[in-house]
Amino acid sequence: MDVRRKAREMALQALYAMDLTGHWDGEVSERLYEKDQWPSSASHAHRILTGVLERKDPIDEAIGGHADHWSVSRMNLIDRNILRIAAYELLFCDDIPLKVSINEAIELGKLYGTRDTKRFLNGILDRIAQHPRAKTNEQ
C-alpha cells in the first residue's frame, strides 16, 4: 500500500475516533500510531491530522458551503472526515495535485463509506476544487 494512502487512512481513523468521542486532541492519534504497522506513514498522517485540526473551522465552512442541503453536522462520520482530509489537501497543500486529493478521498470512501459515498464526496470536492485558494494548488 502506498505510504500516503496509508497515512490518509490513519488520519481518517484518528479523526473518526475524535469526532465520535468529541475529544479533539492528539492522544487518540498517538495510540493509533503506536499500534500501526506502517511507521513510514505516521509522519504524513500526523501532518494531515495536525493540518485538519488547526484549520477545522475553515475546512468545515468550505465543506458546508459546497454541500447543497447538508450541514456538516448532519453528515455521517466517515464522509465528514474523508471530506475534511481532502478539503485540507485541496485548500492548504500545494504539494498535492487536486485530482490526487479527490481520487484518494473517493478510494477511502469505497473502503469505508456507503454505496452513495463516492457521489457525495465527488460532488462536494469538485466544488471545493474550484475555490480560488485550491486553484493555487493545481499542478
Protein backbone atom coordinates (compact mmCIF):
# COMPACT_ATOMS: atom_id res chain seq x y z
CA MET A 1 0.00 0.00 0.00
CA ASP A 2 1.19 3.49 -0.83
CA VAL A 3 2.68 5.43 2.11
CA ARG A 4 0.44 8.47 1.57
CA ARG A 5 -2.71 6.38 1.09
CA LYS A 6 -1.98 4.56 4.35
CA ALA A 7 -1.34 7.93 6.02
CA ARG A 8 -4.75 9.19 4.88
CA GLU A 9 -6.32 6.03 6.23
CA MET A 10 -4.56 6.50 9.58
CA ALA A 11 -5.66 10.14 9.73
CA LEU A 12 -9.24 9.10 8.92
CA GLN A 13 -9.21 6.60 11.77
CA ALA A 14 -7.95 9.24 14.20
CA LEU A 15 -10.44 11.89 13.03
CA TYR A 16 -13.27 9.37 13.20
CA ALA A 17 -12.36 8.46 16.79
CA MET A 18 -12.06 12.14 17.76
CA ASP A 19 -15.35 13.01 16.11
CA LEU A 20 -17.09 10.06 17.75
CA THR A 21 -15.80 10.86 21.23
CA GLY A 22 -15.72 14.65 20.96
CA HIS A 23 -12.10 14.69 22.18
CA TRP A 24 -10.17 16.75 19.64
CA ASP A 25 -6.63 16.14 20.88
CA GLY A 26 -3.53 14.23 19.91
CA GLU A 27 -3.95 11.45 22.45
CA VAL A 28 -6.21 9.44 20.14
CA SER A 29 -3.81 9.69 17.24
CA GLU A 30 -0.79 8.74 19.33
CA ARG A 31 -2.48 5.50 20.39
CA LEU A 32 -3.40 4.67 16.80
CA TYR A 33 0.09 5.38 15.50
CA GLU A 34 1.69 3.23 18.22
CA LYS A 35 -0.32 0.21 17.06
CA ASP A 36 0.17 0.80 13.36
CA GLN A 37 2.41 -1.43 11.28
CA TRP A 38 3.27 1.38 8.87
CA PRO A 39 5.69 3.69 10.72
CA SER A 40 6.74 5.35 7.45
CA SER A 41 3.16 6.61 7.06
CA ALA A 42 2.89 8.02 10.58
CA SER A 43 4.68 11.31 9.84
CA HIS A 44 2.44 12.09 6.87
CA ALA A 45 -0.63 11.03 8.86
CA HIS A 46 0.48 13.40 11.61
CA ARG A 47 0.85 16.22 9.06
CA ILE A 48 -2.69 15.62 7.78
CA LEU A 49 -4.18 15.31 11.23
CA THR A 50 -2.44 18.41 12.56
CA GLY A 51 -3.43 20.39 9.47
CA VAL A 52 -7.07 19.37 9.74
CA LEU A 53 -7.23 20.11 13.46
CA GLU A 54 -5.53 23.52 13.10
CA ARG A 55 -7.88 24.53 10.27
CA LYS A 56 -11.01 22.61 11.22
CA ASP A 57 -13.30 25.66 11.23
CA PRO A 58 -12.39 26.96 7.74
CA ILE A 59 -12.38 23.40 6.40
CA ASP A 60 -15.87 22.75 7.79
CA GLU A 61 -17.04 26.10 6.39
CA ALA A 62 -15.74 25.15 2.95
CA ILE A 63 -17.42 21.75 3.12
CA GLY A 64 -20.70 23.19 4.40
CA GLY A 65 -20.63 25.96 1.83
CA HIS A 66 -20.38 23.45 -1.01
CA ALA A 67 -22.74 20.77 0.31
CA ASP A 68 -26.21 21.51 -1.03
CA HIS A 69 -28.89 20.83 1.58
CA TRP A 70 -26.40 19.32 4.04
CA SER A 71 -24.86 20.76 7.16
CA VAL A 72 -21.52 19.31 8.19
CA SER A 73 -23.01 18.15 11.50
CA ARG A 74 -25.64 16.05 9.66
CA MET A 75 -23.12 14.16 7.53
CA ASN A 76 -22.14 10.68 8.59
CA LEU A 77 -18.82 10.47 10.42
CA ILE A 78 -16.91 8.69 7.68
CA ASP A 79 -17.99 11.02 4.87
CA ARG A 80 -17.42 14.11 7.01
CA ASN A 81 -13.89 13.13 7.95
CA ILE A 82 -12.90 11.99 4.47
CA LEU A 83 -14.12 15.40 3.28
CA ARG A 84 -12.05 17.12 5.98
CA ILE A 85 -8.87 15.35 4.88
CA ALA A 86 -9.46 16.05 1.19
CA ALA A 87 -10.53 19.66 1.78
CA TYR A 88 -7.39 20.23 3.84
CA GLU A 89 -5.29 18.91 0.98
CA LEU A 90 -7.22 20.88 -1.67
CA LEU A 91 -7.04 24.16 0.20
CA PHE A 92 -3.75 24.03 2.09
CA CYS A 93 -1.33 21.52 0.50
CA ASP A 94 0.41 22.96 -2.53
CA ASP A 95 2.44 19.78 -2.98
CA ILE A 96 -0.58 17.54 -3.68
CA PRO A 97 -2.36 17.83 -7.04
CA LEU A 98 -6.11 18.48 -6.84
CA LYS A 99 -7.01 15.32 -8.75
CA VAL A 100 -4.91 13.18 -6.42
CA SER A 101 -6.69 14.53 -3.33
CA ILE A 102 -10.10 13.91 -4.87
CA ASN A 103 -9.21 10.42 -6.13
CA GLU A 104 -7.71 9.41 -2.81
CA ALA A 105 -10.83 10.61 -0.98
CA ILE A 106 -13.00 8.54 -3.28
CA GLU A 107 -10.80 5.49 -2.68
CA LEU A 108 -11.20 5.93 1.08
CA GLY A 109 -14.93 6.29 0.54
CA LYS A 110 -15.01 2.99 -1.33
CA LEU A 111 -13.28 1.26 1.56
CA TYR A 112 -15.16 2.81 4.47
CA GLY A 113 -18.24 4.56 3.15
CA THR A 114 -21.64 3.60 1.91
CA ARG A 115 -22.88 2.98 -1.61
CA ASP A 116 -23.62 6.71 -2.03
CA THR A 117 -20.34 7.99 -0.56
CA LYS A 118 -18.47 8.19 -3.86
CA ARG A 119 -21.02 10.50 -5.50
CA PHE A 120 -21.44 12.56 -2.34
CA LEU A 121 -17.69 13.13 -1.92
CA ASN A 122 -17.06 13.78 -5.60
CA GLY A 123 -19.77 16.45 -5.83
CA ILE A 124 -18.56 18.42 -2.83
CA LEU A 125 -14.85 18.06 -3.56
CA ASP A 126 -15.26 19.12 -7.19
CA ARG A 127 -16.87 22.34 -5.94
CA ILE A 128 -14.17 22.93 -3.31
CA ALA A 129 -11.52 22.38 -6.00
CA GLN A 130 -12.98 25.39 -7.86
CA HIS A 131 -12.23 27.62 -4.85
CA PRO A 132 -9.59 30.26 -5.66
CA ARG A 133 -7.29 29.01 -2.90
CA ALA A 134 -7.45 25.48 -4.33
CA LYS A 135 -6.55 26.74 -7.80
CA THR A 136 -3.12 27.84 -6.50
CA ASN A 137 -2.73 24.17 -5.63
CA GLU A 138 -3.18 22.99 -9.23
CA GLN A 139 -0.20 21.28 -10.80
